[in-house]
N, C-alpha and C. Protein backbone atom coordinates (compact mmCIF):
# COMPACT_ATOMS: atom_id res chain seq x y z
N MET A 1 -17.40 -32.17 -12.14
CA MET A 1 -18.04 -31.33 -13.13
C MET A 1 -16.99 -30.97 -14.18
N LYS A 2 -17.33 -31.17 -15.42
CA LYS A 2 -16.42 -30.81 -16.51
C LYS A 2 -16.74 -29.41 -17.01
N ALA A 3 -15.72 -28.76 -17.53
CA ALA A 3 -15.89 -27.44 -18.12
C ALA A 3 -14.91 -27.33 -19.28
N GLN A 4 -15.13 -26.38 -20.15
CA GLN A 4 -14.25 -26.17 -21.29
C GLN A 4 -13.49 -24.87 -21.15
N LEU A 5 -12.24 -24.89 -21.60
CA LEU A 5 -11.49 -23.64 -21.69
C LEU A 5 -12.01 -22.87 -22.90
N ILE A 6 -12.25 -21.58 -22.73
CA ILE A 6 -12.72 -20.76 -23.83
C ILE A 6 -11.68 -19.69 -24.13
N ARG A 7 -11.62 -19.28 -25.36
CA ARG A 7 -10.65 -18.27 -25.77
C ARG A 7 -11.15 -16.89 -25.35
N ILE A 8 -10.26 -16.14 -24.69
CA ILE A 8 -10.55 -14.76 -24.29
C ILE A 8 -9.34 -13.94 -24.74
N GLY A 9 -9.42 -13.34 -25.92
CA GLY A 9 -8.28 -12.63 -26.47
C GLY A 9 -7.15 -13.62 -26.72
N ASN A 10 -5.95 -13.32 -26.22
CA ASN A 10 -4.82 -14.23 -26.36
C ASN A 10 -4.74 -15.24 -25.23
N SER A 11 -5.67 -15.17 -24.29
CA SER A 11 -5.67 -16.06 -23.14
C SER A 11 -6.80 -17.07 -23.27
N ARG A 12 -6.93 -17.87 -22.24
CA ARG A 12 -8.06 -18.79 -22.16
C ARG A 12 -8.66 -18.66 -20.78
N GLY A 13 -9.94 -18.90 -20.69
CA GLY A 13 -10.63 -18.78 -19.42
C GLY A 13 -11.60 -19.92 -19.23
N ILE A 14 -12.23 -19.93 -18.10
CA ILE A 14 -13.23 -20.94 -17.80
C ILE A 14 -14.42 -20.24 -17.18
N ARG A 15 -15.61 -20.67 -17.54
CA ARG A 15 -16.82 -20.10 -16.95
C ARG A 15 -17.21 -20.97 -15.77
N LEU A 16 -17.40 -20.33 -14.64
CA LEU A 16 -17.83 -21.06 -13.45
C LEU A 16 -19.33 -20.87 -13.28
N PRO A 17 -20.06 -21.95 -13.07
CA PRO A 17 -21.49 -21.81 -12.83
C PRO A 17 -21.77 -21.01 -11.56
N LYS A 18 -22.87 -20.30 -11.56
CA LYS A 18 -23.23 -19.44 -10.43
C LYS A 18 -23.26 -20.22 -9.13
N VAL A 19 -23.79 -21.43 -9.14
CA VAL A 19 -23.89 -22.22 -7.92
C VAL A 19 -22.50 -22.56 -7.36
N VAL A 20 -21.53 -22.80 -8.24
CA VAL A 20 -20.16 -23.08 -7.79
C VAL A 20 -19.56 -21.84 -7.15
N ILE A 21 -19.77 -20.69 -7.76
CA ILE A 21 -19.25 -19.43 -7.23
C ILE A 21 -19.83 -19.17 -5.84
N GLU A 22 -21.13 -19.39 -5.70
CA GLU A 22 -21.78 -19.16 -4.40
C GLU A 22 -21.30 -20.16 -3.35
N GLN A 23 -21.19 -21.43 -3.71
CA GLN A 23 -20.74 -22.44 -2.75
C GLN A 23 -19.32 -22.18 -2.27
N ALA A 24 -18.47 -21.68 -3.17
CA ALA A 24 -17.07 -21.41 -2.81
C ALA A 24 -16.89 -20.06 -2.14
N GLY A 25 -17.94 -19.23 -2.14
CA GLY A 25 -17.84 -17.90 -1.52
C GLY A 25 -16.93 -16.97 -2.30
N LEU A 26 -16.91 -17.10 -3.60
CA LEU A 26 -16.05 -16.26 -4.44
C LEU A 26 -16.72 -14.92 -4.71
N THR A 27 -15.89 -13.88 -4.83
CA THR A 27 -16.38 -12.55 -5.20
C THR A 27 -15.66 -12.13 -6.47
N GLU A 28 -15.44 -10.87 -6.66
CA GLU A 28 -14.78 -10.38 -7.87
C GLU A 28 -13.32 -10.81 -7.95
N ASP A 29 -12.62 -10.78 -6.82
CA ASP A 29 -11.19 -11.10 -6.82
C ASP A 29 -10.96 -12.51 -6.28
N VAL A 30 -10.13 -13.26 -6.99
CA VAL A 30 -9.77 -14.61 -6.56
C VAL A 30 -8.25 -14.76 -6.63
N GLU A 31 -7.75 -15.77 -5.96
CA GLU A 31 -6.33 -16.10 -6.03
C GLU A 31 -6.19 -17.44 -6.73
N LEU A 32 -5.20 -17.53 -7.61
CA LEU A 32 -4.93 -18.75 -8.34
C LEU A 32 -3.61 -19.33 -7.86
N GLU A 33 -3.59 -20.66 -7.76
CA GLU A 33 -2.36 -21.35 -7.35
C GLU A 33 -2.27 -22.63 -8.16
N VAL A 34 -1.09 -22.93 -8.63
CA VAL A 34 -0.87 -24.16 -9.37
C VAL A 34 -0.18 -25.15 -8.46
N ARG A 35 -0.79 -26.32 -8.29
CA ARG A 35 -0.21 -27.41 -7.49
C ARG A 35 -0.10 -28.62 -8.40
N GLY A 36 1.10 -28.83 -8.91
CA GLY A 36 1.27 -29.92 -9.86
C GLY A 36 0.46 -29.64 -11.11
N ALA A 37 -0.45 -30.54 -11.46
CA ALA A 37 -1.30 -30.36 -12.64
C ALA A 37 -2.68 -29.83 -12.25
N THR A 38 -2.78 -29.25 -11.05
CA THR A 38 -4.07 -28.77 -10.55
C THR A 38 -4.03 -27.26 -10.39
N VAL A 39 -5.08 -26.59 -10.82
CA VAL A 39 -5.23 -25.15 -10.60
C VAL A 39 -6.25 -24.99 -9.47
N VAL A 40 -5.83 -24.28 -8.41
CA VAL A 40 -6.69 -24.06 -7.25
C VAL A 40 -7.14 -22.61 -7.26
N ILE A 41 -8.44 -22.40 -7.19
CA ILE A 41 -9.04 -21.06 -7.16
C ILE A 41 -9.60 -20.86 -5.76
N THR A 42 -9.16 -19.80 -5.08
CA THR A 42 -9.67 -19.49 -3.75
C THR A 42 -10.10 -18.03 -3.70
N ALA A 43 -10.98 -17.73 -2.76
CA ALA A 43 -11.40 -16.35 -2.57
C ALA A 43 -10.18 -15.53 -2.14
N ALA A 44 -10.04 -14.34 -2.68
CA ALA A 44 -8.92 -13.48 -2.34
C ALA A 44 -9.03 -13.04 -0.89
N ARG A 45 -7.91 -13.10 -0.19
CA ARG A 45 -7.90 -12.64 1.19
C ARG A 45 -7.90 -11.12 1.22
N ARG A 46 -8.53 -10.58 2.25
CA ARG A 46 -8.52 -9.12 2.41
C ARG A 46 -7.11 -8.66 2.73
N THR A 47 -6.76 -7.50 2.24
CA THR A 47 -5.47 -6.91 2.54
C THR A 47 -5.32 -6.72 4.04
N ARG A 48 -4.22 -7.15 4.58
CA ARG A 48 -3.89 -7.04 6.00
C ARG A 48 -4.84 -7.83 6.90
N ALA A 49 -5.49 -8.83 6.35
CA ALA A 49 -6.37 -9.66 7.17
C ALA A 49 -5.56 -10.35 8.25
N GLY A 50 -6.01 -10.26 9.48
CA GLY A 50 -5.34 -10.91 10.59
C GLY A 50 -4.25 -10.09 11.25
N TRP A 51 -3.95 -8.90 10.73
CA TRP A 51 -2.88 -8.08 11.30
C TRP A 51 -3.21 -7.63 12.71
N ALA A 52 -4.44 -7.26 12.98
CA ALA A 52 -4.81 -6.76 14.31
C ALA A 52 -4.61 -7.86 15.35
N GLU A 53 -5.03 -9.07 15.04
CA GLU A 53 -4.87 -10.19 15.97
C GLU A 53 -3.39 -10.50 16.19
N ALA A 54 -2.60 -10.45 15.12
CA ALA A 54 -1.16 -10.71 15.23
C ALA A 54 -0.49 -9.65 16.10
N ALA A 55 -0.89 -8.39 15.96
CA ALA A 55 -0.32 -7.32 16.77
C ALA A 55 -0.68 -7.50 18.24
N GLN A 56 -1.90 -7.93 18.51
CA GLN A 56 -2.30 -8.17 19.89
C GLN A 56 -1.49 -9.32 20.51
N GLN A 57 -1.23 -10.36 19.73
CA GLN A 57 -0.42 -11.48 20.23
C GLN A 57 1.01 -11.03 20.51
N LEU A 58 1.58 -10.22 19.63
CA LEU A 58 2.93 -9.70 19.86
C LEU A 58 2.99 -8.87 21.14
N HIS A 59 1.98 -8.04 21.34
CA HIS A 59 1.94 -7.21 22.53
C HIS A 59 1.84 -8.08 23.79
N ALA A 60 1.01 -9.10 23.74
CA ALA A 60 0.84 -9.99 24.89
C ALA A 60 2.15 -10.71 25.23
N GLN A 61 2.97 -10.97 24.20
CA GLN A 61 4.25 -11.64 24.40
C GLN A 61 5.37 -10.66 24.73
N GLY A 62 5.07 -9.36 24.69
CA GLY A 62 6.10 -8.35 24.93
C GLY A 62 7.07 -8.22 23.77
N ALA A 63 6.64 -8.65 22.59
CA ALA A 63 7.52 -8.64 21.42
C ALA A 63 7.21 -7.50 20.47
N ASP A 64 6.54 -6.46 20.96
CA ASP A 64 6.18 -5.35 20.09
C ASP A 64 7.03 -4.12 20.35
N GLN A 65 8.27 -4.32 20.69
CA GLN A 65 9.19 -3.21 20.95
C GLN A 65 9.89 -2.79 19.66
N LEU A 66 10.38 -1.55 19.63
CA LEU A 66 11.12 -1.07 18.47
C LEU A 66 12.43 -1.83 18.34
N LEU A 67 12.85 -2.09 17.12
CA LEU A 67 14.09 -2.80 16.88
C LEU A 67 15.30 -1.88 17.02
N ASP A 68 15.12 -0.62 16.66
CA ASP A 68 16.21 0.36 16.74
C ASP A 68 15.98 1.26 17.94
N PRO A 69 17.06 1.73 18.56
CA PRO A 69 16.88 2.63 19.70
C PRO A 69 16.28 3.96 19.26
N ASP A 70 15.55 4.61 20.17
CA ASP A 70 14.95 5.89 19.89
C ASP A 70 16.05 6.95 19.86
N THR A 71 16.22 7.61 18.75
CA THR A 71 17.24 8.65 18.63
C THR A 71 16.58 9.95 18.21
N SER A 72 17.09 11.05 18.72
CA SER A 72 16.53 12.35 18.35
C SER A 72 17.39 12.98 17.27
N THR A 73 16.79 13.92 16.56
CA THR A 73 17.51 14.64 15.51
C THR A 73 18.01 15.96 16.05
N ASP A 74 18.89 16.61 15.29
CA ASP A 74 19.39 17.94 15.68
C ASP A 74 18.23 18.92 15.80
N PHE A 75 17.27 18.83 14.91
CA PHE A 75 16.11 19.70 14.96
C PHE A 75 15.37 19.52 16.28
N GLU A 76 15.14 18.28 16.67
CA GLU A 76 14.42 18.03 17.92
C GLU A 76 15.21 18.53 19.12
N ASP A 77 16.53 18.37 19.10
CA ASP A 77 17.35 18.78 20.23
C ASP A 77 17.46 20.30 20.33
N ALA A 78 17.59 21.00 19.20
CA ALA A 78 17.89 22.42 19.24
C ALA A 78 16.69 23.34 19.00
N GLU A 79 15.79 22.96 18.12
CA GLU A 79 14.77 23.90 17.68
C GLU A 79 13.36 23.60 18.13
N TRP A 80 13.05 22.38 18.41
CA TRP A 80 11.67 22.01 18.71
C TRP A 80 11.28 22.46 20.10
N GLN A 81 10.10 23.05 20.22
CA GLN A 81 9.57 23.47 21.50
C GLN A 81 8.50 22.50 21.94
N TRP A 82 8.69 21.84 23.07
CA TRP A 82 7.68 20.88 23.57
C TRP A 82 6.67 21.60 24.40
């Protein structure tokens, strides 16, 4: 399918037909990537998508420990009431 670049202010844009948008599952936000002479448009990933699954895998592997040792502060040692 051919399309034309159109002027939008100082930039240029392209109009995507509704059927293309629906087939690609695009919403308001998209990600653009340039691969050589090709522009790839993909649906934007949700923020932190996959983090819960990654955390569960780390826990299953026993790799979800703190990197630094647990240290207390002067306030915790002297003033805090547990």
